[in-house]
Protein backbone atom coordinates (compact mmCIF):
# COMPACT_ATOMS: atom_id res chain seq x y z
CA MET A 1 -2.19 19.08 -13.75
CA ALA A 2 1.22 18.16 -14.40
CA ASP A 3 2.75 15.09 -13.58
CA ASP A 4 4.46 15.14 -9.93
CA PRO A 5 6.80 12.05 -9.51
CA ASP A 6 7.29 13.29 -5.69
CA GLY A 7 3.90 12.53 -5.07
CA LYS A 8 2.71 15.80 -3.98
CA GLY A 9 -0.25 15.43 -6.30
CA THR A 10 -4.00 14.65 -6.04
CA PRO A 11 -4.35 10.80 -5.73
CA ALA A 12 -5.48 10.50 -9.24
CA GLU A 13 -2.75 12.86 -10.67
CA ARG A 14 -0.30 9.99 -8.45
CA PHE A 15 -2.37 7.36 -10.10
CA ARG A 16 -2.03 8.59 -13.59
CA HIS A 17 1.52 9.18 -13.13
CA ALA A 18 2.21 5.32 -12.14
CA VAL A 19 -0.15 3.87 -14.95
CA GLY A 20 1.66 5.94 -17.28
CA GLY A 21 5.11 4.57 -16.56
CA LYS A 22 4.23 1.24 -16.24
CA ALA A 23 2.46 1.42 -19.69
CA GLU A 24 5.73 3.26 -21.03
CA ARG A 25 8.28 0.44 -19.55
CA ARG A 26 5.96 -2.27 -21.20
CA ARG A 27 6.22 -0.40 -24.60
CA ARG A 28 9.85 -0.25 -24.39
CA ALA A 29 9.84 -4.09 -23.71
CA ARG A 30 7.67 -4.70 -26.53
CA ALA A 31 9.80 -3.08 -28.51
CA GLU A 32 12.93 -4.43 -27.46
CA PRO A 33 13.92 -7.43 -30.04
CA GLY A 34 14.46 -10.67 -28.83
CA GLY A 35 13.23 -9.73 -25.06
CA GLY A 36 16.30 -9.17 -23.42
CA VAL A 37 18.51 -11.06 -21.08
CA TRP A 38 16.00 -11.07 -18.06
CA HIS A 39 13.24 -12.39 -20.32
CA TRP A 40 15.06 -14.92 -21.70
CA LEU A 41 16.55 -15.97 -18.19
CA GLY A 42 12.98 -16.22 -16.75
CA MET A 43 12.04 -18.43 -19.64
CA PHE A 44 14.94 -20.65 -18.33
CA GLY A 45 13.47 -20.95 -15.59
CA LEU A 46 10.05 -21.49 -16.62
CA VAL A 47 11.03 -24.62 -18.59
CA GLY A 48 12.98 -26.06 -16.07
CA TRP A 49 10.11 -25.92 -13.37
CA ALA A 50 7.66 -27.00 -16.33
CA VAL A 51 9.54 -30.15 -16.83
CA ALA A 52 10.76 -30.70 -13.55
CA ILE A 53 7.01 -30.54 -11.44
CA PRO A 54 5.49 -33.17 -13.93
CA THR A 55 8.49 -35.28 -13.71
CA LEU A 56 8.04 -35.40 -9.88
CA LEU A 57 4.86 -35.58 -9.86
CA GLY A 58 5.23 -38.66 -12.05
CA ILE A 59 7.82 -40.23 -9.72
CA ALA A 60 5.70 -39.74 -6.21
CA ALA A 61 3.04 -41.08 -8.12
CA GLY A 62 4.90 -44.21 -9.38
CA VAL A 63 6.31 -44.71 -5.83
CA TRP A 64 3.12 -44.88 -4.27
CA LEU A 65 1.56 -46.89 -6.67
CA ASP A 66 4.72 -49.63 -6.12
CA ARG A 67 4.24 -49.46 -2.54
CA HIS A 68 0.55 -50.42 -3.09
CA TYR A 69 0.31 -52.48 -6.11
CA GLY A 70 3.85 -53.81 -6.67
CA ASP A 71 2.70 -56.61 -8.97
CA GLY A 72 5.99 -56.55 -11.21
CA ILE A 73 5.46 -53.40 -12.97
CA SER A 74 7.47 -50.59 -12.41
CA TRP A 75 5.16 -47.86 -11.97
CA THR A 76 8.08 -45.35 -10.86
CA LEU A 77 9.77 -45.81 -14.15
CA SER A 78 6.85 -45.79 -16.30
CA LEU A 79 5.18 -42.57 -14.44
CA LEU A 80 8.90 -40.86 -14.79
CA PHE A 81 8.70 -41.44 -18.71
CA VAL A 82 5.17 -39.86 -18.33
CA GLY A 83 6.39 -36.72 -16.14
CA VAL A 84 8.99 -36.17 -18.91
CA VAL A 85 6.93 -36.21 -21.80
CA VAL A 86 4.46 -34.31 -20.32
CA GLY A 87 6.84 -31.67 -18.74
CA CYS A 88 8.61 -31.38 -22.34
CA LEU A 89 5.11 -30.72 -24.08
CA HIS A 90 4.59 -28.31 -21.15
CA ALA A 91 7.46 -26.32 -22.25
CA TRP A 92 7.18 -26.64 -25.83
CA TYR A 93 3.58 -24.92 -25.79
CA TRP A 94 5.29 -21.76 -23.56
CA ILE A 95 8.22 -21.45 -25.92
CA SER A 96 6.11 -21.96 -28.43
CA GLN A 97 3.48 -19.15 -27.21
CA GLU A 98 6.75 -16.92 -26.50
CA ARG A 99 8.17 -17.21 -29.93
CA ARG A 100 4.57 -15.82 -31.66
CA GLY A 101 4.46 -13.24 -29.31
CA ARG A 102 1.21 -14.27 -27.48
């Protein structure tokens, strides 16, 4: 019942080998201080999207409100600001979770 990376073992042995390899990669990733370059590049993308999506949703809602209820208040600018604030709070939440290590 040795590990068989060539895929010639039983399905249970192949499954055990695959799970063991993934668990070992996870242990190494957690042991690496700082998470590595790819981790932080991924975090950079997450933060960008966490700010961009609420901002764009605020703009879209503001444009719609301006077209339907344009009564002197610029809903687009107001909801743009709200979207940026919500996005920044969301990004701050994710970064704080990463720093704590979940």
